[in-house]
Amino acid sequence: MKTEITTNRLFLRQLDNSDLQDIYRQFSDYDKCRFFSDPPCTIEEAQDIFNHYQHKNGDKDTQKKL
């Protein structure tokens, strides 16, 4: 079941497969990641982040990375 929350200033929805490239673009850019504790990620690590947020309780291995 997809859940969406919409207000005048906000639209929230669950992640879907089309979001993977956006996650990768966000977390692989050095300038955006320079304040994170981890270095920029690979596409495989972006997939792990995506999988973590797709599962209600997250993946225990991914939780260690996040």
PDB file of N, CA and C in Angstrom:
ATOM      1  N   MET A   1       0.844  -1.175   0.000  1.00  0.00           N
ATOM      2  CA  MET A   1       0.000   0.000   0.000  1.00  0.00           C
ATOM      3  C   MET A   1       0.895   1.246   0.000  1.00  0.00           C
ATOM      4  N   LYS A   2       0.682   2.116  -0.955  1.00  0.00           N
ATOM      5  CA  LYS A   2       1.445   3.357  -1.028  1.00  0.00           C
ATOM      6  C   LYS A   2       0.796   4.401  -0.138  1.00  0.00           C
ATOM      7  N   THR A   3       1.648   5.092   0.583  1.00  0.00           N
ATOM      8  CA  THR A   3       1.184   6.158   1.454  1.00  0.00           C
ATOM      9  C   THR A   3       1.758   7.467   0.956  1.00  0.00           C
ATOM     10  N   GLU A   4       0.910   8.462   0.843  1.00  0.00           N
ATOM     11  CA  GLU A   4       1.354   9.795   0.446  1.00  0.00           C
ATOM     12  C   GLU A   4       0.767  10.811   1.405  1.00  0.00           C
ATOM     13  N   ILE A   5       1.554  11.794   1.735  1.00  0.00           N
ATOM     14  CA  ILE A   5       1.121  12.890   2.587  1.00  0.00           C
ATOM     15  C   ILE A   5       1.396  14.173   1.824  1.00  0.00           C
ATOM     16  N   THR A   6       0.371  14.976   1.651  1.00  0.00           N
ATOM     17  CA  THR A   6       0.511  16.213   0.894  1.00  0.00           C
ATOM     18  C   THR A   6      -0.030  17.379   1.710  1.00  0.00           C
ATOM     19  N   THR A   7       0.758  18.453   1.757  1.00  0.00           N
ATOM     20  CA  THR A   7       0.312  19.717   2.331  1.00  0.00           C
ATOM     21  C   THR A   7       0.606  20.803   1.297  1.00  0.00           C
ATOM     22  N   ASN A   8       0.360  22.046   1.646  1.00  0.00           N
ATOM     23  CA  ASN A   8       0.657  23.146   0.736  1.00  0.00           C
ATOM     24  C   ASN A   8       2.153  23.261   0.434  1.00  0.00           C
ATOM     25  N   ARG A   9       2.993  22.819   1.368  1.00  0.00           N
ATOM     26  CA  ARG A   9       4.431  23.002   1.206  1.00  0.00           C
ATOM     27  C   ARG A   9       5.232  21.710   1.182  1.00  0.00           C
ATOM     28  N   LEU A  10       4.571  20.568   1.266  1.00  0.00           N
ATOM     29  CA  LEU A  10       5.295  19.319   1.417  1.00  0.00           C
ATOM     30  C   LEU A  10       4.579  18.180   0.713  1.00  0.00           C
ATOM     31  N   PHE A  11       5.364  17.300   0.094  1.00  0.00           N
ATOM     32  CA  PHE A  11       4.828  16.082  -0.505  1.00  0.00           C
ATOM     33  C   PHE A  11       5.737  14.936  -0.097  1.00  0.00           C
ATOM     34  N   LEU A  12       5.226  14.002   0.683  1.00  0.00           N
ATOM     35  CA  LEU A  12       5.987  12.835   1.116  1.00  0.00           C
ATOM     36  C   LEU A  12       5.385  11.592   0.490  1.00  0.00           C
ATOM     37  N   ARG A  13       6.264  10.701   0.045  1.00  0.00           N
ATOM     38  CA  ARG A  13       5.825   9.430  -0.504  1.00  0.00           C
ATOM     39  C   ARG A  13       6.888   8.398  -0.231  1.00  0.00           C
ATOM     40  N   GLN A  14       6.519   7.145  -0.376  1.00  0.00           N
ATOM     41  CA  GLN A  14       7.485   6.077  -0.213  1.00  0.00           C
ATOM     42  C   GLN A  14       8.460   6.089  -1.380  1.00  0.00           C
ATOM     43  N   LEU A  15       9.664   5.596  -1.127  1.00  0.00           N
ATOM     44  CA  LEU A  15      10.642   5.463  -2.199  1.00  0.00           C
ATOM     45  C   LEU A  15      10.154   4.445  -3.217  1.00  0.00           C
ATOM     46  N   ASP A  16      10.531   4.660  -4.462  1.00  0.00           N
ATOM     47  CA  ASP A  16      10.311   3.631  -5.472  1.00  0.00           C
ATOM     48  C   ASP A  16      11.592   3.476  -6.282  1.00  0.00           C
ATOM     49  N   ASN A  17      11.616   2.498  -7.159  1.00  0.00           N
ATOM     50  CA  ASN A  17      12.851   2.172  -7.889  1.00  0.00           C
ATOM     51  C   ASN A  17      13.436   3.349  -8.651  1.00  0.00           C
ATOM     52  N   SER A  18      12.612   4.280  -9.060  1.00  0.00           N
ATOM     53  CA  SER A  18      13.123   5.430  -9.812  1.00  0.00           C
ATOM     54  C   SER A  18      13.950   6.374  -8.934  1.00  0.00           C
ATOM     55  N   ASP A  19      13.927   6.195  -7.616  1.00  0.00           N
ATOM     56  CA  ASP A  19      14.668   7.063  -6.700  1.00  0.00           C
ATOM     57  C   ASP A  19      16.136   6.658  -6.524  1.00  0.00           C
ATOM     58  N   LEU A  20      16.502   5.459  -6.974  1.00  0.00           N
ATOM     59  CA  LEU A  20      17.865   4.979  -6.753  1.00  0.00           C
ATOM     60  C   LEU A  20      18.912   5.917  -7.339  1.00  0.00           C
ATOM     61  N   GLN A  21      18.722   6.374  -8.557  1.00  0.00           N
ATOM     62  CA  GLN A  21      19.702   7.270  -9.179  1.00  0.00           C
ATOM     63  C   GLN A  21      19.813   8.596  -8.425  1.00  0.00           C
ATOM     64  N   ASP A  22      18.700   9.088  -7.879  1.00  0.00           N
ATOM     65  CA  ASP A  22      18.743  10.322  -7.090  1.00  0.00           C
ATOM     66  C   ASP A  22      19.519  10.108  -5.794  1.00  0.00           C
ATOM     67  N   ILE A  23      19.320   8.964  -5.158  1.00  0.00           N
ATOM     68  CA  ILE A  23      20.070   8.646  -3.937  1.00  0.00           C
ATOM     69  C   ILE A  23      21.553   8.570  -4.259  1.00  0.00           C
ATOM     70  N   TYR A  24      21.880   7.889  -5.345  1.00  0.00           N
ATOM     71  CA  TYR A  24      23.286   7.777  -5.747  1.00  0.00           C
ATOM     72  C   TYR A  24      23.881   9.157  -6.037  1.00  0.00           C
ATOM     73  N   ARG A  25      23.158   9.976  -6.776  1.00  0.00           N
ATOM     74  CA  ARG A  25      23.654  11.313  -7.119  1.00  0.00           C
ATOM     75  C   ARG A  25      23.898  12.138  -5.848  1.00  0.00           C
ATOM     76  N   GLN A  26      23.015  12.024  -4.871  1.00  0.00           N
ATOM     77  CA  GLN A  26      23.162  12.775  -3.628  1.00  0.00           C
ATOM     78  C   GLN A  26      24.364  12.302  -2.812  1.00  0.00           C
ATOM     79  N   PHE A  27      24.497  10.993  -2.655  1.00  0.00           N
ATOM     80  CA  PHE A  27      25.518  10.444  -1.767  1.00  0.00           C
ATOM     81  C   PHE A  27      26.843  10.122  -2.441  1.00  0.00           C
ATOM     82  N   SER A  28      26.971  10.355  -3.746  1.00  0.00           N
ATOM     83  CA  SER A  28      28.244  10.104  -4.418  1.00  0.00           C
ATOM     84  C   SER A  28      28.986  11.391  -4.757  1.00  0.00           C
ATOM     85  N   ASP A  29      28.363  12.518  -4.525  1.00  0.00           N
ATOM     86  CA  ASP A  29      28.970  13.815  -4.831  1.00  0.00           C
ATOM     87  C   ASP A  29      29.865  14.249  -3.666  1.00  0.00           C
ATOM     88  N   TYR A  30      31.148  14.428  -3.948  1.00  0.00           N
ATOM     89  CA  TYR A  30      32.097  14.770  -2.889  1.00  0.00           C
ATOM     90  C   TYR A  30      31.697  16.050  -2.150  1.00  0.00           C
ATOM     91  N   ASP A  31      31.306  17.091  -2.866  1.00  0.00           N
ATOM     92  CA  ASP A  31      30.952  18.359  -2.216  1.00  0.00           C
ATOM     93  C   ASP A  31      29.762  18.202  -1.280  1.00  0.00           C
ATOM     94  N   LYS A  32      28.830  17.339  -1.632  1.00  0.00           N
ATOM     95  CA  LYS A  32      27.669  17.107  -0.765  1.00  0.00           C
ATOM     96  C   LYS A  32      28.022  16.202   0.405  1.00  0.00           C
ATOM     97  N   CYS A  33      29.008  15.329   0.223  1.00  0.00           N
ATOM     98  CA  CYS A  33      29.366  14.355   1.257  1.00  0.00           C
ATOM     99  C   CYS A  33      30.476  14.829   2.193  1.00  0.00           C
ATOM    100  N   ARG A  34      31.073  15.955   1.925  1.00  0.00           N
ATOM    101  CA  ARG A  34      32.239  16.351   2.719  1.00  0.00           C
ATOM    102  C   ARG A  34      31.923  16.568   4.191  1.00  0.00           C
ATOM    103  N   PHE A  35      30.659  16.784   4.546  1.00  0.00           N
ATOM    104  CA  PHE A  35      30.286  16.963   5.940  1.00  0.00           C
ATOM    105  C   PHE A  35      29.715  15.688   6.559  1.00  0.00           C
ATOM    106  N   PHE A  36      29.601  14.613   5.760  1.00  0.00           N
ATOM    107  CA  PHE A  36      29.145  13.321   6.271  1.00  0.00           C
ATOM    108  C   PHE A  36      30.338  12.614   6.896  1.00  0.00           C
ATOM    109  N   SER A  37      30.063  11.647   7.739  1.00  0.00           N
ATOM    110  CA  SER A  37      31.165  10.894   8.349  1.00  0.00           C
ATOM    111  C   SER A  37      31.756   9.867   7.389  1.00  0.00           C
ATOM    112  N   ASP A  38      31.016   9.514   6.343  1.00  0.00           N
ATOM    113  CA  ASP A  38      31.481   8.528   5.372  1.00  0.00           C
ATOM    114  C   ASP A  38      31.857   9.218   4.060  1.00  0.00           C
ATOM    115  N   PRO A  39      32.789   8.628   3.316  1.00  0.00           N
ATOM    116  CA  PRO A  39      33.140   9.192   2.000  1.00  0.00           C
ATOM    117  C   PRO A  39      32.007   8.985   1.008  1.00  0.00           C
ATOM    118  N   PRO A  40      32.084   9.610  -0.151  1.00  0.00           N
ATOM    119  CA  PRO A  40      31.055   9.395  -1.170  1.00  0.00           C
ATOM    120  C   PRO A  40      30.857   7.910  -1.446  1.00  0.00           C
ATOM    121  N   CYS A  41      29.627   7.534  -1.776  1.00  0.00           N
ATOM    122  CA  CYS A  41      29.301   6.116  -1.930  1.00  0.00           C
ATOM    123  C   CYS A  41      29.329   5.665  -3.384  1.00  0.00           C
ATOM    124  N   THR A  42      29.398   4.362  -3.538  1.00  0.00           N
ATOM    125  CA  THR A  42      29.307   3.724  -4.847  1.00  0.00           C
ATOM    126  C   THR A  42      27.833   3.457  -5.151  1.00  0.00           C
ATOM    127  N   ILE A  43      27.535   3.024  -6.362  1.00  0.00           N
ATOM    128  CA  ILE A  43      26.154   2.695  -6.716  1.00  0.00           C
ATOM    129  C   ILE A  43      25.662   1.518  -5.872  1.00  0.00           C
ATOM    130  N   GLU A  44      26.548   0.596  -5.518  1.00  0.00           N
ATOM    131  CA  GLU A  44      26.162  -0.538  -4.679  1.00  0.00           C
ATOM    132  C   GLU A  44      25.777  -0.070  -3.276  1.00  0.00           C
ATOM    133  N   GLU A  45      26.522   0.888  -2.745  1.00  0.00           N
ATOM    134  CA  GLU A  45      26.196   1.434  -1.418  1.00  0.00           C
ATOM    135  C   GLU A  45      24.900   2.228  -1.473  1.00  0.00           C
ATOM    136  N   ALA A  46      24.667   2.922  -2.578  1.00  0.00           N
ATOM    137  CA  ALA A  46      23.394   3.633  -2.744  1.00  0.00           C
ATOM    138  C   ALA A  46      22.241   2.632  -2.758  1.00  0.00           C
ATOM    139  N   GLN A  47      22.445   1.467  -3.389  1.00  0.00           N
ATOM    140  CA  GLN A  47      21.427   0.414  -3.383  1.00  0.00           C
ATOM    141  C   GLN A  47      21.167  -0.070  -1.963  1.00  0.00           C
ATOM    142  N   ASP A  48      22.214  -0.184  -1.142  1.00  0.00           N
ATOM    143  CA  ASP A  48      22.043  -0.568   0.262  1.00  0.00           C
ATOM    144  C   ASP A  48      21.225   0.466   1.028  1.00  0.00           C
ATOM    145  N   ILE A  49      21.498   1.736   0.785  1.00  0.00           N
ATOM    146  CA  ILE A  49      20.724   2.808   1.435  1.00  0.00           C
ATOM    147  C   ILE A  49      19.267   2.704   1.018  1.00  0.00           C
ATOM    148  N   PHE A  50      19.037   2.548  -0.277  1.00  0.00           N
ATOM    149  CA  PHE A  50      17.682   2.404  -0.811  1.00  0.00           C
ATOM    150  C   PHE A  50      16.982   1.212  -0.156  1.00  0.00           C
ATOM    151  N   ASN A  51      17.657   0.064  -0.105  1.00  0.00           N
ATOM    152  CA  ASN A  51      17.070  -1.138   0.494  1.00  0.00           C
ATOM    153  C   ASN A  51      16.749  -0.927   1.960  1.00  0.00           C
ATOM    154  N   HIS A  52      17.625  -0.227   2.660  1.00  0.00           N
ATOM    155  CA  HIS A  52      17.401   0.046   4.084  1.00  0.00           C
ATOM    156  C   HIS A  52      16.075   0.776   4.300  1.00  0.00           C
ATOM    157  N   TYR A  53      15.829   1.790   3.507  1.00  0.00           N
ATOM    158  CA  TYR A  53      14.620   2.583   3.686  1.00  0.00           C
ATOM    159  C   TYR A  53      13.387   1.945   3.056  1.00  0.00           C
ATOM    160  N   GLN A  54      13.572   0.959   2.197  1.00  0.00           N
ATOM    161  CA  GLN A  54      12.445   0.230   1.612  1.00  0.00           C
ATOM    162  C   GLN A  54      11.860  -0.757   2.604  1.00  0.00           C
ATOM    163  N   HIS A  55      12.671  -1.270   3.528  1.00  0.00           N
ATOM    164  CA  HIS A  55      12.216  -2.266   4.490  1.00  0.00           C
ATOM    165  C   HIS A  55      11.840  -1.582   5.795  1.00  0.00           C
ATOM    166  N   LYS A  56      10.721  -1.983   6.333  1.00  0.00           N
ATOM    167  CA  LYS A  56      10.185  -1.337   7.530  1.00  0.00           C
ATOM    168  C   LYS A  56      11.214  -1.279   8.665  1.00  0.00           C
ATOM    169  N   ASN A  57      11.896  -2.381   8.928  1.00  0.00           N
ATOM    170  CA  ASN A  57      12.853  -2.423  10.030  1.00  0.00           C
ATOM    171  C   ASN A  57      14.288  -2.239   9.575  1.00  0.00           C
ATOM    172  N   GLY A  58      14.484  -2.041   8.302  1.00  0.00           N
ATOM    173  CA  GLY A  58      15.830  -1.855   7.777  1.00  0.00           C
ATOM    174  C   GLY A  58      16.612  -3.151   7.757  1.00  0.00           C
ATOM    175  N   ASP A  59      17.697  -3.130   7.066  1.00  0.00           N
ATOM    176  CA  ASP A  59      18.604  -4.260   6.990  1.00  0.00           C
ATOM    177  C   ASP A  59      19.662  -4.065   8.060  1.00  0.00           C
ATOM    178  N   LYS A  60      19.852  -5.042   8.919  1.00  0.00           N
ATOM    179  CA  LYS A  60      20.781  -4.881  10.042  1.00  0.00           C
ATOM    180  C   LYS A  60      22.196  -4.551   9.580  1.00  0.00           C
ATOM    181  N   ASP A  61      22.649  -5.129   8.459  1.00  0.00           N
ATOM    182  CA  ASP A  61      23.986  -4.795   7.961  1.00  0.00           C
ATOM    183  C   ASP A  61      24.051  -3.352   7.494  1.00  0.00           C
ATOM    184  N   THR A  62      22.982  -2.859   6.869  1.00  0.00           N
ATOM    185  CA  THR A  62      22.949  -1.487   6.384  1.00  0.00           C
ATOM    186  C   THR A  62      22.883  -0.511   7.552  1.00  0.00           C
ATOM    187  N   GLN A  63      22.189  -0.885   8.631  1.00  0.00           N
ATOM    188  CA  GLN A  63      22.080   0.014   9.783  1.00  0.00           C
ATOM    189  C   GLN A  63      23.461   0.345  10.345  1.00  0.00           C
ATOM    190  N   LYS A  64      24.379  -0.601  10.276  1.00  0.00           N
ATOM    191  CA  LYS A  64      25.725  -0.340  10.768  1.00  0.00           C
ATOM    192  C   LYS A  64      26.411   0.723   9.941  1.00  0.00           C
ATOM    193  N   LYS A  65      26.160   0.742   8.617  1.00  0.00           N
ATOM    194  CA  LYS A  65      26.777   1.721   7.733  1.00  0.00           C
ATOM    195  C   LYS A  65      26.165   3.090   7.911  1.00  0.00           C
ATOM    196  N   LEU A  66      24.857   3.127   8.186  1.00  0.00           N
ATOM    197  CA  LEU A  66      24.173   4.406   8.278  1.00  0.00           C
ATOM    198  C   LEU A  66      24.381   4.965   9.644  1.00  0.00           C
TER     199      LEU A  66
END
